[in-house]
Amino acid sequence: MPRMHFGSCLCGTVRFQIEGDFQHFFLCHCGRCREDTGSAHAANLFSSVATLTWVCGRDRVGCFTLPGTRHTRCFCSMCGSALPSLQMEGSLLAVPAGSLDGDIAVKPDAHIFGSSRANWDDALGEIPMIEGSPP
């Protein structure tokens, strides 16, 4: 039986469900992913077999494709949260890992585009962990 995954945006306007398994989980350090996430890397799950269903807020989903590229980012038009997108003419589902509600059963397969990694992204595991808000 295919696994069900549920997700939403930050404001709750958009909710979705995904039926099926993810085949890959990559942490992408390319400059485009760093720009569109504002972070060290994008964390995306990929599937060519899973099915995406918008539960609510489909009319609030916006998408942007960088001209001249295949780089696409979908987002909630209310709060800006990253949302799933169908890519490669609908044959590949890309899901931002942070958009899923709950735990993810798989670990990332790899860091990709490591040559584009931000210089401040080295040795992040050595930085102290604070369990809540900084003092």
C-alpha atoms as a PDB file:
ATOM      1  CA  MET A   1       0.000   0.000   0.000  1.00  0.00           C
ATOM      2  CA  PRO A   2       1.466   3.413  -0.981  1.00  0.00           C
ATOM      3  CA  ARG A   3       2.485   5.693   1.865  1.00  0.00           C
ATOM      4  CA  MET A   4       0.536   8.930   2.451  1.00  0.00           C
ATOM      5  CA  HIS A   5       2.317  12.194   3.229  1.00  0.00           C
ATOM      6  CA  PHE A   6       0.606  15.409   4.291  1.00  0.00           C
ATOM      7  CA  GLY A   7       1.885  18.950   4.095  1.00  0.00           C
ATOM      8  CA  SER A   8       0.979  22.603   4.283  1.00  0.00           C
ATOM      9  CA  CYS A   9       2.280  26.131   4.098  1.00  0.00           C
ATOM     10  CA  LEU A  10       3.166  28.239   7.129  1.00  0.00           C
ATOM     11  CA  CYS A  11      -0.148  30.135   7.251  1.00  0.00           C
ATOM     12  CA  GLY A  12      -2.263  27.005   6.611  1.00  0.00           C
ATOM     13  CA  THR A  13      -3.950  28.400   3.501  1.00  0.00           C
ATOM     14  CA  VAL A  14      -2.517  25.630   1.298  1.00  0.00           C
ATOM     15  CA  ARG A  15      -2.681  21.965   2.284  1.00  0.00           C
ATOM     16  CA  PHE A  16      -1.756  18.956   0.188  1.00  0.00           C
ATOM     17  CA  GLN A  17      -1.331  15.223   0.308  1.00  0.00           C
ATOM     18  CA  ILE A  18       1.059  12.971  -1.533  1.00  0.00           C
ATOM     19  CA  GLU A  19       0.364   9.313  -2.149  1.00  0.00           C
ATOM     20  CA  GLY A  20       3.434   7.234  -2.877  1.00  0.00           C
ATOM     21  CA  ASP A  21       7.071   6.919  -2.006  1.00  0.00           C
ATOM     22  CA  PHE A  22       9.980   9.240  -2.590  1.00  0.00           C
ATOM     23  CA  GLN A  23      12.852   7.869  -4.644  1.00  0.00           C
ATOM     24  CA  HIS A  24      15.449  10.533  -3.828  1.00  0.00           C
ATOM     25  CA  PHE A  25      16.181  13.121  -1.153  1.00  0.00           C
ATOM     26  CA  PHE A  26      18.866  15.655  -2.042  1.00  0.00           C
ATOM     27  CA  LEU A  27      20.362  18.650  -0.261  1.00  0.00           C
ATOM     28  CA  CYS A  28      21.192  21.026  -3.114  1.00  0.00           C
ATOM     29  CA  HIS A  29      23.876  23.684  -2.633  1.00  0.00           C
ATOM     30  CA  CYS A  30      23.640  25.289  -6.087  1.00  0.00           C
ATOM     31  CA  GLY A  31      23.432  29.068  -6.181  1.00  0.00           C
ATOM     32  CA  ARG A  32      19.855  29.005  -7.457  1.00  0.00           C
ATOM     33  CA  CYS A  33      18.629  26.854  -4.570  1.00  0.00           C
ATOM     34  CA  ARG A  34      20.520  28.993  -2.047  1.00  0.00           C
ATOM     35  CA  GLU A  35      18.941  32.123  -3.548  1.00  0.00           C
ATOM     36  CA  ASP A  36      15.379  30.824  -3.565  1.00  0.00           C
ATOM     37  CA  THR A  37      15.549  29.352  -0.042  1.00  0.00           C
ATOM     38  CA  GLY A  38      17.702  32.057   1.524  1.00  0.00           C
ATOM     39  CA  SER A  39      19.559  29.224   3.229  1.00  0.00           C
ATOM     40  CA  ALA A  40      22.648  27.023   2.887  1.00  0.00           C
ATOM     41  CA  HIS A  41      20.810  24.551   0.686  1.00  0.00           C
ATOM     42  CA  ALA A  42      17.442  23.329  -0.504  1.00  0.00           C
ATOM     43  CA  ALA A  43      16.173  20.035   0.925  1.00  0.00           C
ATOM     44  CA  ASN A  44      13.950  18.377  -1.676  1.00  0.00           C
ATOM     45  CA  LEU A  45      12.346  14.962  -2.031  1.00  0.00           C
ATOM     46  CA  PHE A  46      11.722  13.598  -5.522  1.00  0.00           C
ATOM     47  CA  SER A  47       9.346  11.006  -6.951  1.00  0.00           C
ATOM     48  CA  SER A  48       8.316   9.879 -10.401  1.00  0.00           C
ATOM     49  CA  VAL A  49       5.565   7.630  -8.996  1.00  0.00           C
ATOM     50  CA  ALA A  50       3.883   9.645  -6.214  1.00  0.00           C
ATOM     51  CA  THR A  51       0.656  11.596  -6.779  1.00  0.00           C
ATOM     52  CA  LEU A  52       0.096  15.143  -5.509  1.00  0.00           C
ATOM     53  CA  THR A  53      -3.401  16.267  -4.468  1.00  0.00           C
ATOM     54  CA  TRP A  54      -4.140  19.814  -3.337  1.00  0.00           C
ATOM     55  CA  VAL A  55      -6.518  19.534  -0.350  1.00  0.00           C
ATOM     56  CA  CYS A  56      -7.183  23.265  -0.129  1.00  0.00           C
ATOM     57  CA  GLY A  57      -5.722  26.547  -1.310  1.00  0.00           C
ATOM     58  CA  ARG A  58      -4.735  25.432  -4.818  1.00  0.00           C
ATOM     59  CA  ASP A  59      -5.719  28.890  -6.058  1.00  0.00           C
ATOM     60  CA  ARG A  60      -3.069  30.374  -3.722  1.00  0.00           C
ATOM     61  CA  VAL A  61      -0.192  28.357  -5.215  1.00  0.00           C
ATOM     62  CA  GLY A  62       2.139  30.465  -7.287  1.00  0.00           C
ATOM     63  CA  CYS A  63       5.059  29.173  -9.338  1.00  0.00           C
ATOM     64  CA  PHE A  64       8.139  30.816 -10.768  1.00  0.00           C
ATOM     65  CA  THR A  65      10.476  29.306 -13.338  1.00  0.00           C
ATOM     66  CA  LEU A  66      13.775  31.082 -13.820  1.00  0.00           C
ATOM     67  CA  PRO A  67      13.836  32.073 -17.496  1.00  0.00           C
ATOM     68  CA  GLY A  68      16.099  29.911 -19.617  1.00  0.00           C
ATOM     69  CA  THR A  69      16.340  27.175 -16.956  1.00  0.00           C
ATOM     70  CA  ARG A  70      14.376  24.268 -15.482  1.00  0.00           C
ATOM     71  CA  HIS A  71      14.676  25.817 -12.006  1.00  0.00           C
ATOM     72  CA  THR A  72      11.101  26.078 -10.694  1.00  0.00           C
ATOM     73  CA  ARG A  73       9.861  27.139  -7.289  1.00  0.00           C
ATOM     74  CA  CYS A  74       6.230  26.915  -6.158  1.00  0.00           C
ATOM     75  CA  PHE A  75       5.042  28.807  -3.102  1.00  0.00           C
ATOM     76  CA  CYS A  76       2.010  30.009  -1.142  1.00  0.00           C
ATOM     77  CA  SER A  77       1.018  33.455  -2.421  1.00  0.00           C
ATOM     78  CA  MET A  78      -0.116  34.402   1.105  1.00  0.00           C
ATOM     79  CA  CYS A  79       2.934  33.497   3.237  1.00  0.00           C
ATOM     80  CA  GLY A  80       5.626  32.588   0.680  1.00  0.00           C
ATOM     81  CA  SER A  81       6.225  29.059   1.983  1.00  0.00           C
ATOM     82  CA  ALA A  82       7.807  26.617  -0.452  1.00  0.00           C
ATOM     83  CA  LEU A  83       5.395  24.062  -1.910  1.00  0.00           C
ATOM     84  CA  PRO A  84       5.607  20.965  -4.133  1.00  0.00           C
ATOM     85  CA  SER A  85       5.944  21.300  -7.874  1.00  0.00           C
ATOM     86  CA  LEU A  86       5.571  19.053 -10.872  1.00  0.00           C
ATOM     87  CA  GLN A  87       8.640  19.271 -13.066  1.00  0.00           C
ATOM     88  CA  MET A  88       9.932  17.776 -16.308  1.00  0.00           C
ATOM     89  CA  GLU A  89       6.527  18.114 -17.976  1.00  0.00           C
ATOM     90  CA  GLY A  90       4.779  16.528 -14.982  1.00  0.00           C
ATOM     91  CA  SER A  91       6.927  13.401 -14.794  1.00  0.00           C
ATOM     92  CA  LEU A  92       8.781  14.400 -11.608  1.00  0.00           C
ATOM     93  CA  LEU A  93       7.329  15.600  -8.317  1.00  0.00           C
ATOM     94  CA  ALA A  94       9.665  17.795  -6.251  1.00  0.00           C
ATOM     95  CA  VAL A  95       8.661  18.326  -2.622  1.00  0.00           C
ATOM     96  CA  PRO A  96      10.418  20.710  -0.237  1.00  0.00           C
ATOM     97  CA  ALA A  97      11.117  18.526   2.805  1.00  0.00           C
ATOM     98  CA  GLY A  98      10.165  21.302   5.213  1.00  0.00           C
ATOM     99  CA  SER A  99       6.682  21.589   3.693  1.00  0.00           C
ATOM    100  CA  LEU A 100       5.713  18.146   4.983  1.00  0.00           C
ATOM    101  CA  ASP A 101       3.839  17.937   8.275  1.00  0.00           C
ATOM    102  CA  GLY A 102       5.535  15.348  10.439  1.00  0.00           C
ATOM    103  CA  ASP A 103       8.624  13.218  10.220  1.00  0.00           C
ATOM    104  CA  ILE A 104      10.239  11.981   7.032  1.00  0.00           C
ATOM    105  CA  ALA A 105      11.125   8.290   7.091  1.00  0.00           C
ATOM    106  CA  VAL A 106      14.120   8.602   4.743  1.00  0.00           C
ATOM    107  CA  LYS A 107      17.471  10.328   5.160  1.00  0.00           C
ATOM    108  CA  PRO A 108      19.023  12.503   2.443  1.00  0.00           C
ATOM    109  CA  ASP A 109      20.811  10.560  -0.300  1.00  0.00           C
ATOM    110  CA  ALA A 110      23.491  13.178  -0.875  1.00  0.00           C
ATOM    111  CA  HIS A 111      24.591  16.788  -0.883  1.00  0.00           C
ATOM    112  CA  ILE A 112      24.615  17.906  -4.516  1.00  0.00           C
ATOM    113  CA  PHE A 113      26.396  20.825  -6.215  1.00  0.00           C
ATOM    114  CA  GLY A 114      28.964  20.806  -3.424  1.00  0.00           C
ATOM    115  CA  SER A 115      31.273  22.960  -5.529  1.00  0.00           C
ATOM    116  CA  SER A 116      28.704  25.783  -5.141  1.00  0.00           C
ATOM    117  CA  ARG A 117      28.466  25.392  -1.368  1.00  0.00           C
ATOM    118  CA  ALA A 118      28.476  28.697   0.566  1.00  0.00           C
ATOM    119  CA  ASN A 119      31.776  29.426   2.324  1.00  0.00           C
ATOM    120  CA  TRP A 120      29.957  29.786   5.669  1.00  0.00           C
ATOM    121  CA  ASP A 121      28.418  26.325   5.269  1.00  0.00           C
ATOM    122  CA  ASP A 122      31.558  24.389   6.249  1.00  0.00           C
ATOM    123  CA  ALA A 123      31.584  22.341   9.454  1.00  0.00           C
ATOM    124  CA  LEU A 124      28.039  23.255  10.513  1.00  0.00           C
ATOM    125  CA  GLY A 125      28.000  20.168  12.744  1.00  0.00           C
ATOM    126  CA  GLU A 126      30.617  21.813  14.950  1.00  0.00           C
ATOM    127  CA  ILE A 127      28.452  24.853  15.749  1.00  0.00           C
ATOM    128  CA  PRO A 128      26.787  24.731  19.198  1.00  0.00           C
ATOM    129  CA  MET A 129      23.138  23.545  19.278  1.00  0.00           C
ATOM    130  CA  ILE A 130      20.652  25.686  21.207  1.00  0.00           C
ATOM    131  CA  GLU A 131      17.394  23.808  21.897  1.00  0.00           C
ATOM    132  CA  GLY A 132      15.179  26.901  21.726  1.00  0.00           C
ATOM    133  CA  SER A 133      15.479  30.618  21.083  1.00  0.00           C
ATOM    134  CA  PRO A 134      18.916  32.124  21.823  1.00  0.00           C
ATOM    135  CA  PRO A 135      19.265  33.819  25.215  1.00  0.00           C
END
